[in-house]
Amino acid sequence: MPGHRWHGARLATNTRLSRGFTLLELLVVMVIIGLLAGLVAPRYFEQVGKSNTKIARAQIVSLGQALDQYRLDVGSYPTTEEGLEALVTKPQNATRWSGPYLQKAVPVDPWDRPYQYRSPGEHGDYDLFSPGKDGRGGGVGENQTVSSW
């Protein structure tokens, strides 16, 4: 009859499993999931912030190349008043303009704000920058200024 006892224990286990989980087991699983989310979520969002900063840097490099091509053709960078739109639409006084210098419209930064452009700049022939996520400049992480200098 030893086989019969084993069969009985197996039957009791199957009966318990078919009833579902206890409240305590569900709470333990929810606490574990909460802890994992608390560890993973900040790292994920930090990576998203780094990605936006990298996108802004890449766009500034691309706009800088278009500005350099504009200068080679026209003889100077667009003025602050002409702005980055001079890369797409010919300014009135740019007789040697051979654009457009961008395939599409002037992009906005990853935080949906226009890039800031000054010419002549405080840091070089022109200043091209995004003040970051908070729009104030400086800061760290996603709030840092991304610039051409």
N, C-alpha and C. Protein backbone atom coordinates (compact mmCIF):
# COMPACT_ATOMS: atom_id res chain seq x y z
N MET A 1 0.79 -1.19 0.00
CA MET A 1 0.00 0.00 0.00
C MET A 1 0.84 1.27 0.00
N PRO A 2 2.17 1.19 -0.02
CA PRO A 2 2.94 2.42 -0.07
C PRO A 2 2.61 3.23 -1.32
N GLY A 3 2.37 2.59 -2.43
CA GLY A 3 2.03 3.31 -3.65
C GLY A 3 0.73 4.07 -3.52
N HIS A 4 -0.19 3.48 -2.72
CA HIS A 4 -1.47 4.12 -2.54
C HIS A 4 -1.34 5.43 -1.75
N ARG A 5 -0.48 5.45 -0.72
CA ARG A 5 -0.28 6.68 0.04
C ARG A 5 0.30 7.79 -0.85
N TRP A 6 1.28 7.40 -1.64
CA TRP A 6 1.89 8.39 -2.54
C TRP A 6 0.84 8.98 -3.47
N HIS A 7 0.00 8.11 -3.98
CA HIS A 7 -1.07 8.57 -4.86
C HIS A 7 -1.98 9.56 -4.13
N GLY A 8 -2.23 9.31 -2.85
CA GLY A 8 -3.08 10.20 -2.06
C GLY A 8 -2.44 11.57 -1.88
N ALA A 9 -1.13 11.61 -1.63
CA ALA A 9 -0.44 12.88 -1.47
C ALA A 9 -0.45 13.66 -2.77
N ARG A 10 -0.29 12.91 -3.85
CA ARG A 10 -0.32 13.55 -5.16
C ARG A 10 -1.69 14.15 -5.44
N LEU A 11 -2.70 13.44 -5.05
CA LEU A 11 -4.06 13.92 -5.23
C LEU A 11 -4.30 15.18 -4.40
N ALA A 12 -3.78 15.22 -3.17
CA ALA A 12 -3.95 16.40 -2.32
C ALA A 12 -3.22 17.60 -2.91
N THR A 13 -2.02 17.39 -3.47
CA THR A 13 -1.26 18.48 -4.09
C THR A 13 -2.01 19.03 -5.29
N ASN A 14 -2.53 18.13 -6.12
CA ASN A 14 -3.28 18.57 -7.29
C ASN A 14 -4.52 19.36 -6.90
N THR A 15 -5.16 18.96 -5.82
CA THR A 15 -6.34 19.66 -5.36
C THR A 15 -5.97 21.06 -4.91
N ARG A 16 -4.84 21.20 -4.18
CA ARG A 16 -4.40 22.51 -3.72
C ARG A 16 -4.04 23.42 -4.90
N LEU A 17 -3.36 22.89 -5.90
CA LEU A 17 -2.97 23.69 -7.06
C LEU A 17 -4.18 24.16 -7.85
N SER A 18 -5.17 23.36 -7.90
CA SER A 18 -6.33 23.74 -8.70
C SER A 18 -7.13 24.85 -8.04
N ARG A 19 -6.92 25.11 -6.73
CA ARG A 19 -7.64 26.16 -6.04
C ARG A 19 -7.07 27.54 -6.36
N GLY A 20 -5.82 27.66 -6.72
CA GLY A 20 -5.22 28.96 -7.03
C GLY A 20 -4.19 29.35 -5.99
N PHE A 21 -3.81 30.62 -6.01
CA PHE A 21 -2.79 31.13 -5.11
C PHE A 21 -3.44 31.74 -3.87
N THR A 22 -2.70 31.72 -2.79
CA THR A 22 -3.20 32.37 -1.58
C THR A 22 -2.94 33.86 -1.68
N LEU A 23 -3.60 34.62 -0.84
CA LEU A 23 -3.42 36.07 -0.83
C LEU A 23 -1.98 36.43 -0.49
N LEU A 24 -1.38 35.72 0.42
CA LEU A 24 0.01 35.98 0.79
C LEU A 24 0.96 35.75 -0.38
N GLU A 25 0.74 34.70 -1.14
CA GLU A 25 1.59 34.43 -2.31
C GLU A 25 1.45 35.54 -3.34
N LEU A 26 0.24 36.00 -3.57
CA LEU A 26 0.03 37.10 -4.53
C LEU A 26 0.69 38.38 -4.05
N LEU A 27 0.61 38.67 -2.76
CA LEU A 27 1.25 39.87 -2.23
C LEU A 27 2.77 39.81 -2.37
N VAL A 28 3.36 38.64 -2.12
CA VAL A 28 4.80 38.48 -2.26
C VAL A 28 5.22 38.72 -3.71
N VAL A 29 4.47 38.17 -4.65
CA VAL A 29 4.79 38.35 -6.07
C VAL A 29 4.65 39.83 -6.45
N MET A 30 3.62 40.50 -5.96
CA MET A 30 3.44 41.91 -6.29
C MET A 30 4.56 42.77 -5.70
N VAL A 31 5.02 42.44 -4.50
CA VAL A 31 6.14 43.18 -3.90
C VAL A 31 7.40 42.98 -4.73
N ILE A 32 7.65 41.76 -5.18
CA ILE A 32 8.83 41.48 -6.00
C ILE A 32 8.76 42.25 -7.32
N ILE A 33 7.60 42.25 -7.95
CA ILE A 33 7.43 42.99 -9.21
C ILE A 33 7.63 44.49 -8.97
N GLY A 34 7.11 45.00 -7.87
CA GLY A 34 7.29 46.42 -7.54
C GLY A 34 8.74 46.78 -7.33
N LEU A 35 9.48 45.91 -6.65
CA LEU A 35 10.91 46.17 -6.43
C LEU A 35 11.67 46.16 -7.74
N LEU A 36 11.36 45.20 -8.59
CA LEU A 36 12.04 45.14 -9.89
C LEU A 36 11.72 46.38 -10.72
N ALA A 37 10.47 46.80 -10.72
CA ALA A 37 10.10 48.01 -11.48
C ALA A 37 10.81 49.23 -10.92
N GLY A 38 10.96 49.29 -9.59
CA GLY A 38 11.67 50.41 -8.97
C GLY A 38 13.13 50.47 -9.33
N LEU A 39 13.71 49.32 -9.62
CA LEU A 39 15.13 49.29 -10.01
C LEU A 39 15.31 49.52 -11.50
N VAL A 40 14.42 48.99 -12.31
CA VAL A 40 14.59 49.03 -13.77
C VAL A 40 14.10 50.35 -14.36
N ALA A 41 12.98 50.88 -13.90
CA ALA A 41 12.38 52.08 -14.50
C ALA A 41 13.32 53.28 -14.51
N PRO A 42 13.99 53.62 -13.40
CA PRO A 42 14.89 54.79 -13.46
C PRO A 42 16.01 54.62 -14.47
N ARG A 43 16.54 53.42 -14.57
CA ARG A 43 17.62 53.19 -15.56
C ARG A 43 17.10 53.31 -16.97
N TYR A 44 15.89 52.83 -17.21
CA TYR A 44 15.30 52.93 -18.54
C TYR A 44 15.10 54.40 -18.91
N PHE A 45 14.51 55.20 -18.01
CA PHE A 45 14.25 56.60 -18.32
C PHE A 45 15.54 57.40 -18.41
N GLU A 46 16.57 56.99 -17.70
CA GLU A 46 17.87 57.65 -17.82
C GLU A 46 18.43 57.42 -19.22
N GLN A 47 18.24 56.22 -19.76
CA GLN A 47 18.71 55.92 -21.11
C GLN A 47 17.94 56.74 -22.15
N VAL A 48 16.64 56.93 -21.93
CA VAL A 48 15.85 57.75 -22.85
C VAL A 48 16.39 59.18 -22.85
N GLY A 49 16.73 59.70 -21.66
CA GLY A 49 17.29 61.04 -21.58
C GLY A 49 18.62 61.15 -22.30
N LYS A 50 19.48 60.13 -22.15
CA LYS A 50 20.76 60.14 -22.85
C LYS A 50 20.53 60.09 -24.36
N SER A 51 19.53 59.33 -24.78
CA SER A 51 19.23 59.24 -26.21
C SER A 51 18.82 60.60 -26.77
N ASN A 52 17.97 61.33 -26.04
CA ASN A 52 17.54 62.65 -26.51
C ASN A 52 18.72 63.60 -26.62
N THR A 53 19.64 63.54 -25.67
CA THR A 53 20.83 64.39 -25.72
C THR A 53 21.69 64.02 -26.92
N LYS A 54 21.83 62.73 -27.19
CA LYS A 54 22.61 62.29 -28.36
C LYS A 54 21.94 62.73 -29.66
N ILE A 55 20.62 62.69 -29.71
CA ILE A 55 19.90 63.15 -30.90
C ILE A 55 20.16 64.63 -31.12
N ALA A 56 20.09 65.41 -30.04
CA ALA A 56 20.34 66.86 -30.16
C ALA A 56 21.75 67.12 -30.66
N ARG A 57 22.74 66.39 -30.13
CA ARG A 57 24.12 66.56 -30.60
C ARG A 57 24.24 66.24 -32.09
N ALA A 58 23.62 65.15 -32.51
CA ALA A 58 23.69 64.76 -33.92
C ALA A 58 23.02 65.80 -34.81
N GLN A 59 21.88 66.33 -34.38
CA GLN A 59 21.21 67.36 -35.18
C GLN A 59 22.03 68.64 -35.25
N ILE A 60 22.69 69.00 -34.16
CA ILE A 60 23.53 70.20 -34.17
C ILE A 60 24.72 70.02 -35.11
N VAL A 61 25.30 68.83 -35.12
CA VAL A 61 26.40 68.55 -36.06
C VAL A 61 25.89 68.67 -37.49
N SER A 62 24.73 68.09 -37.77
CA SER A 62 24.16 68.15 -39.12
C SER A 62 23.84 69.59 -39.53
N LEU A 63 23.25 70.35 -38.62
CA LEU A 63 22.97 71.76 -38.92
C LEU A 63 24.26 72.55 -39.10
N GLY A 64 25.29 72.22 -38.33
CA GLY A 64 26.59 72.88 -38.48
C GLY A 64 27.20 72.63 -39.85
N GLN A 65 27.05 71.41 -40.36
CA GLN A 65 27.55 71.10 -41.70
C GLN A 65 26.80 71.89 -42.75
N ALA A 66 25.49 72.01 -42.59
CA ALA A 66 24.70 72.80 -43.54
C ALA A 66 25.09 74.28 -43.46
N LEU A 67 25.33 74.77 -42.24
CA LEU A 67 25.76 76.16 -42.09
C LEU A 67 27.12 76.39 -42.74
N ASP A 68 28.04 75.43 -42.63
CA ASP A 68 29.35 75.56 -43.26
C ASP A 68 29.22 75.59 -44.79
N GLN A 69 28.33 74.77 -45.33
CA GLN A 69 28.12 74.77 -46.78
C GLN A 69 27.52 76.10 -47.23
N TYR A 70 26.59 76.61 -46.44
CA TYR A 70 26.01 77.93 -46.72
C TYR A 70 27.11 78.99 -46.76
N ARG A 71 28.00 78.97 -45.77
CA ARG A 71 29.09 79.96 -45.72
C ARG A 71 30.00 79.84 -46.93
N LEU A 72 30.30 78.61 -47.35
CA LEU A 72 31.15 78.43 -48.53
C LEU A 72 30.50 79.05 -49.77
N ASP A 73 29.19 78.90 -49.89
CA ASP A 73 28.50 79.44 -51.07
C ASP A 73 28.27 80.95 -50.98
N VAL A 74 27.80 81.42 -49.86
CA VAL A 74 27.38 82.81 -49.72
C VAL A 74 28.53 83.72 -49.28
N GLY A 75 29.47 83.19 -48.50
CA GLY A 75 30.60 83.98 -48.04
C GLY A 75 30.51 84.33 -46.56
N SER A 76 29.36 84.09 -45.93
CA SER A 76 29.20 84.35 -44.49
C SER A 76 28.08 83.45 -43.97
N TYR A 77 28.04 83.33 -42.66
CA TYR A 77 26.95 82.56 -42.06
C TYR A 77 25.68 83.41 -42.07
N PRO A 78 24.51 82.78 -42.00
CA PRO A 78 23.28 83.58 -41.91
C PRO A 78 23.31 84.45 -40.65
N THR A 79 22.72 85.61 -40.72
CA THR A 79 22.65 86.47 -39.53
C THR A 79 21.66 85.87 -38.53
N THR A 80 21.69 86.40 -37.34
CA THR A 80 20.74 85.94 -36.31
C THR A 80 19.31 86.15 -36.79
N GLU A 81 19.07 87.29 -37.45
CA GLU A 81 17.72 87.60 -37.94
C GLU A 81 17.29 86.61 -39.03
N GLU A 82 18.21 86.24 -39.94
CA GLU A 82 17.87 85.27 -40.99
C GLU A 82 17.66 83.90 -40.37
N GLY A 83 18.44 83.58 -39.37
CA GLY A 83 18.27 82.33 -38.64
C GLY A 83 18.54 81.09 -39.46
N LEU A 84 18.15 79.97 -38.91
CA LEU A 84 18.37 78.69 -39.57
C LEU A 84 17.47 78.50 -40.79
N GLU A 85 16.42 79.32 -40.90
CA GLU A 85 15.53 79.23 -42.07
C GLU A 85 16.28 79.57 -43.35
N ALA A 86 17.41 80.29 -43.23
CA ALA A 86 18.21 80.63 -44.41
C ALA A 86 18.80 79.36 -45.05
N LEU A 87 18.80 78.26 -44.31
CA LEU A 87 19.29 77.00 -44.88
C LEU A 87 18.25 76.36 -45.80
N VAL A 88 17.01 76.80 -45.69
CA VAL A 88 15.92 76.22 -46.48
C VAL A 88 15.35 77.22 -47.48
N THR A 89 15.25 78.48 -47.07
CA THR A 89 14.67 79.53 -47.90
C THR A 89 15.72 80.60 -48.15
N LYS A 90 15.87 81.00 -49.41
CA LYS A 90 16.89 81.99 -49.77
C LYS A 90 16.61 83.36 -49.16
N PRO A 91 17.59 83.89 -48.40
CA PRO A 91 17.45 85.25 -47.90
C PRO A 91 17.55 86.26 -49.06
N GLN A 92 16.99 87.43 -48.90
CA GLN A 92 16.96 88.42 -49.98
C GLN A 92 18.34 88.86 -50.43
N ASN A 93 19.29 89.01 -49.52
CA ASN A 93 20.60 89.55 -49.89
C ASN A 93 21.64 88.47 -50.18
N ALA A 94 21.25 87.21 -50.24
CA ALA A 94 22.20 86.12 -50.49
C ALA A 94 22.19 85.77 -51.98
N THR A 95 22.99 86.52 -52.77
CA THR A 95 22.98 86.33 -54.22
C THR A 95 23.59 85.01 -54.66
N ARG A 96 24.55 84.49 -53.90
CA ARG A 96 25.21 83.24 -54.31
C ARG A 96 24.63 82.01 -53.59
N TRP A 97 23.45 82.15 -53.03
CA TRP A 97 22.79 81.06 -52.31
C TRP A 97 22.51 79.92 -53.27
N SER A 98 22.91 78.70 -52.92
CA SER A 98 22.71 77.53 -53.79
C SER A 98 21.94 76.43 -53.08
N GLY A 99 21.09 76.81 -52.16
CA GLY A 99 20.37 75.83 -51.34
C GLY A 99 19.18 75.24 -52.05
N PRO A 100 18.36 74.56 -51.36
CA PRO A 100 18.35 74.45 -49.91
C PRO A 100 19.48 73.55 -49.39
N TYR A 101 19.93 73.84 -48.19
CA TYR A 101 21.03 73.12 -47.58
C TYR A 101 20.57 72.00 -46.65
N LEU A 102 19.28 71.93 -46.45
CA LEU A 102 18.67 70.82 -45.70
C LEU A 102 17.63 70.16 -46.58
N GLN A 103 17.51 68.85 -46.48
CA GLN A 103 16.53 68.14 -47.29
C GLN A 103 15.11 68.37 -46.82
N LYS A 104 14.95 68.64 -45.52
CA LYS A 104 13.63 68.88 -44.94
C LYS A 104 13.66 70.21 -44.20
N ALA A 105 12.58 70.55 -43.55
CA ALA A 105 12.51 71.77 -42.76
C ALA A 105 13.50 71.71 -41.61
N VAL A 106 13.83 72.86 -41.06
CA VAL A 106 14.74 72.92 -39.91
C VAL A 106 14.10 72.15 -38.76
N PRO A 107 14.82 71.16 -38.21
CA PRO A 107 14.23 70.35 -37.14
C PRO A 107 14.15 71.12 -35.82
N VAL A 108 13.25 70.67 -34.96
CA VAL A 108 13.22 71.17 -33.59
C VAL A 108 14.04 70.21 -32.74
N ASP A 109 14.41 70.63 -31.55
CA ASP A 109 15.21 69.75 -30.70
C ASP A 109 14.32 68.61 -30.17
N PRO A 110 14.91 67.60 -29.55
CA PRO A 110 14.12 66.45 -29.08
C PRO A 110 13.05 66.80 -28.06
N TRP A 111 13.07 68.02 -27.51
CA TRP A 111 12.08 68.46 -26.54
C TRP A 111 11.07 69.40 -27.17
N ASP A 112 11.00 69.38 -28.51
CA ASP A 112 10.03 70.14 -29.31
C ASP A 112 10.17 71.66 -29.19
N ARG A 113 11.41 72.13 -29.06
CA ARG A 113 11.69 73.56 -29.07
C ARG A 113 12.64 73.86 -30.23
N PRO A 114 12.56 75.06 -30.80
CA PRO A 114 13.51 75.39 -31.87
C PRO A 114 14.94 75.52 -31.33
N TYR A 115 15.90 75.15 -32.15
CA TYR A 115 17.30 75.36 -31.78
C TYR A 115 17.57 76.85 -31.74
N GLN A 116 18.42 77.27 -30.82
CA GLN A 116 18.80 78.67 -30.68
C GLN A 116 20.02 78.94 -31.58
N TYR A 117 19.96 80.01 -32.35
CA TYR A 117 21.04 80.34 -33.29
C TYR A 117 21.38 81.82 -33.16
N ARG A 118 22.68 82.12 -33.06
CA ARG A 118 23.17 83.51 -33.03
C ARG A 118 24.39 83.60 -33.94
N SER A 119 24.41 84.64 -34.75
CA SER A 119 25.58 84.89 -35.58
C SER A 119 25.74 86.39 -35.75
N PRO A 120 26.86 86.95 -35.36
CA PRO A 120 28.03 86.27 -34.81
C PRO A 120 27.73 85.76 -33.40
N GLY A 121 28.43 84.69 -33.05
CA GLY A 121 28.20 84.07 -31.76
C GLY A 121 29.15 84.56 -30.69
N GLU A 122 28.86 84.20 -29.47
CA GLU A 122 29.74 84.53 -28.34
C GLU A 122 30.88 83.53 -28.23
N HIS A 123 30.71 82.35 -28.85
CA HIS A 123 31.70 81.28 -28.72
C HIS A 123 32.39 80.95 -30.04
N GLY A 124 32.06 81.65 -31.08
CA GLY A 124 32.65 81.39 -32.39
C GLY A 124 31.92 82.20 -33.44
N ASP A 125 32.07 81.78 -34.70
CA ASP A 125 31.38 82.49 -35.79
C ASP A 125 29.87 82.47 -35.60
N TYR A 126 29.37 81.37 -35.04
CA TYR A 126 27.95 81.27 -34.71
C TYR A 126 27.80 80.41 -33.46
N ASP A 127 26.71 80.59 -32.78
CA ASP A 127 26.34 79.75 -31.64
C ASP A 127 25.05 79.03 -32.02
N LEU A 128 25.07 77.72 -31.89
CA LEU A 128 23.90 76.90 -32.17
C LEU A 128 23.73 75.98 -30.97
N PHE A 129 22.56 76.02 -30.34
CA PHE A 129 22.41 75.22 -29.12
C PHE A 129 20.95 74.93 -28.80
N SER A 130 20.78 73.93 -27.94
CA SER A 130 19.50 73.61 -27.34
C SER A 130 19.68 73.73 -25.84
N PRO A 131 18.79 74.42 -25.14
CA PRO A 131 18.95 74.55 -23.69
C PRO A 131 18.60 73.29 -22.90
N GLY A 132 18.22 72.21 -23.56
CA GLY A 132 17.91 70.97 -22.86
C GLY A 132 16.45 70.85 -22.51
N LYS A 133 16.14 69.80 -21.78
CA LYS A 133 14.75 69.47 -21.48
C LYS A 133 14.04 70.57 -20.70
N ASP A 134 14.71 71.16 -19.72
CA ASP A 134 14.04 72.16 -18.89
C ASP A 134 13.96 73.53 -19.56
N GLY A 135 14.66 73.71 -20.69
CA GLY A 135 14.59 74.97 -21.42
C GLY A 135 15.37 76.11 -20.78
N ARG A 136 16.12 75.83 -19.72
CA ARG A 136 16.86 76.89 -19.03
C ARG A 136 18.36 76.85 -19.32
N GLY A 137 18.86 75.74 -19.82
CA GLY A 137 20.28 75.62 -20.08
C GLY A 137 21.06 75.28 -18.82
N GLY A 138 22.33 74.97 -19.02
CA GLY A 138 23.13 74.52 -17.89
C GLY A 138 22.62 73.17 -17.45
N GLY A 139 22.63 72.90 -16.17
CA GLY A 139 22.06 71.67 -15.65
C GLY A 139 22.89 70.44 -15.99
N VAL A 140 22.35 69.31 -15.64
CA VAL A 140 22.99 68.02 -15.89
C VAL A 140 21.98 67.08 -16.53
N GLY A 141 22.50 66.00 -17.07
CA GLY A 141 21.62 65.01 -17.70
C GLY A 141 20.88 65.61 -18.87
N GLU A 142 19.57 65.37 -18.90
CA GLU A 142 18.74 65.88 -19.98
C GLU A 142 18.58 67.40 -19.92
N ASN A 143 18.86 68.00 -18.79
CA ASN A 143 18.70 69.46 -18.64
C ASN A 143 19.94 70.24 -19.06
N GLN A 144 20.99 69.54 -19.49
CA GLN A 144 22.20 70.25 -19.87
C GLN A 144 22.05 70.90 -21.24
N THR A 145 22.78 71.98 -21.45
CA THR A 145 22.80 72.65 -22.74
C THR A 145 23.60 71.80 -23.73
N VAL A 146 23.03 71.58 -24.90
CA VAL A 146 23.74 70.87 -25.97
C VAL A 146 24.09 71.93 -27.00
N SER A 147 25.41 72.08 -27.29
CA SER A 147 25.83 73.21 -28.11
C SER A 147 26.82 72.83 -29.19
N SER A 148 27.07 73.80 -30.07
CA SER A 148 28.03 73.61 -31.16
C SER A 148 29.45 73.96 -30.74
N TRP A 149 29.64 74.50 -29.57
CA TRP A 149 30.99 74.89 -29.13
C TRP A 149 31.55 73.95 -28.12
